């Protein structure tokens, strides 16, 4: 099972927060789909996802998207995804 805590911040304050759950295990091939679903729930645009974003999530269990990662304008400074799964075998 995949659990991702997603949140947006302005300065250091959390402005939106959502815990996404999926019965799927983490896969680099489905990472974009999960991010699209999270963004839909948070009502924010989907960022451009680069290999470095995926690598960061795989290596550090977290990834941060900045305004430069979005095509549309956004009302936050950071969009952060953190692995919230109970086991670390994702």
Protein backbone atom coordinates (compact mmCIF):
# COMPACT_ATOMS: atom_id res chain seq x y z
CA UNK A 1 0.00 0.00 0.00
CA UNK A 2 1.17 3.47 -0.89
CA UNK A 3 0.62 6.46 1.41
CA UNK A 4 1.90 9.92 0.55
CA UNK A 5 1.51 13.00 2.72
CA UNK A 6 1.26 15.97 0.38
CA UNK A 7 1.19 19.60 1.42
CA UNK A 8 1.69 23.08 0.08
CA UNK A 9 3.45 25.80 1.99
CA UNK A 10 3.68 29.57 1.94
CA UNK A 11 6.80 30.68 3.77
CA UNK A 12 6.90 27.93 6.39
CA UNK A 13 3.15 27.54 6.96
CA UNK A 14 1.19 24.61 5.57
CA UNK A 15 -1.70 25.91 3.46
CA UNK A 16 -3.08 22.61 2.15
CA UNK A 17 -2.59 19.06 3.32
CA UNK A 18 -3.77 15.68 2.06
CA UNK A 19 -2.82 12.08 2.75
CA UNK A 20 -3.11 10.04 -0.41
CA UNK A 21 -3.61 6.30 -0.19
CA UNK A 22 -3.47 3.71 -2.95
CA UNK A 23 -3.52 -0.07 -2.88
CA UNK A 24 -0.68 0.01 -5.41
CA UNK A 25 2.92 -0.16 -4.28
CA UNK A 26 5.28 2.60 -5.37
CA UNK A 27 6.46 2.39 -8.96
CA UNK A 28 8.40 4.93 -10.97
CA UNK A 29 6.06 4.18 -13.89
CA UNK A 30 2.92 5.17 -11.96
CA UNK A 31 4.39 8.08 -9.96
CA UNK A 32 2.91 10.67 -12.36
CA UNK A 33 -0.57 9.15 -12.04
CA UNK A 34 -0.39 9.33 -8.25
CA UNK A 35 0.76 12.96 -8.37
CA UNK A 36 -2.08 13.84 -10.75
CA UNK A 37 -4.60 12.33 -8.32
CA UNK A 38 -3.04 14.20 -5.38
CA UNK A 39 -3.11 17.50 -7.27
CA UNK A 40 -6.74 16.93 -8.21
CA UNK A 41 -7.64 16.42 -4.54
CA UNK A 42 -5.71 19.53 -3.49
CA UNK A 43 -7.17 21.50 -6.42
CA UNK A 44 -3.76 22.60 -7.69
CA UNK A 45 -2.10 22.27 -11.11
CA UNK A 46 0.02 19.21 -11.79
CA UNK A 47 3.75 20.02 -11.85
CA UNK A 48 6.17 18.97 -14.53
CA UNK A 49 7.75 15.76 -13.26
CA UNK A 50 11.40 15.21 -14.08
CA UNK A 51 13.63 12.22 -13.47
CA UNK A 52 15.29 14.16 -10.63
CA UNK A 53 11.93 14.42 -8.85
CA UNK A 54 11.42 10.67 -9.05
CA UNK A 55 15.00 10.02 -7.95
CA UNK A 56 14.55 12.31 -4.95
CA UNK A 57 11.42 10.47 -3.86
CA UNK A 58 13.08 7.07 -4.33
CA UNK A 59 16.29 8.05 -2.52
CA UNK A 60 14.98 10.30 0.25
CA UNK A 61 11.24 9.45 0.51
CA UNK A 62 10.43 13.08 -0.20
CA UNK A 63 10.27 15.44 -3.15
CA UNK A 64 9.70 19.19 -3.32
CA UNK A 65 8.21 21.02 -6.27
CA UNK A 66 8.84 24.76 -6.62
CA UNK A 67 6.98 27.39 -8.68
CA UNK A 68 9.42 26.81 -11.56
CA UNK A 69 8.09 23.23 -11.80
CA UNK A 70 4.59 24.44 -12.73
CA UNK A 71 3.40 25.86 -16.02
CA UNK A 72 0.40 27.55 -14.43
CA UNK A 73 0.61 30.18 -11.73
CA UNK A 74 0.31 28.89 -8.18
CA UNK A 75 -0.45 30.42 -4.79
CA UNK A 76 2.19 28.59 -2.75
CA UNK A 77 5.98 28.42 -2.43
CA UNK A 78 6.44 24.66 -2.24
CA UNK A 79 4.50 21.49 -2.98
CA UNK A 80 5.99 18.68 -0.89
CA UNK A 81 5.35 14.94 -1.07
CA UNK A 82 6.56 12.67 1.70
CA UNK A 83 6.34 8.91 1.98
CA UNK A 84 3.86 8.16 4.76
CA UNK A 85 3.75 4.38 4.31
CA UNK A 86 3.99 2.26 7.43
CA UNK A 87 6.62 -0.05 6.00
CA UNK A 88 9.61 1.28 4.11
CA UNK A 89 9.65 -1.43 1.43
CA UNK A 90 7.94 0.76 -1.17
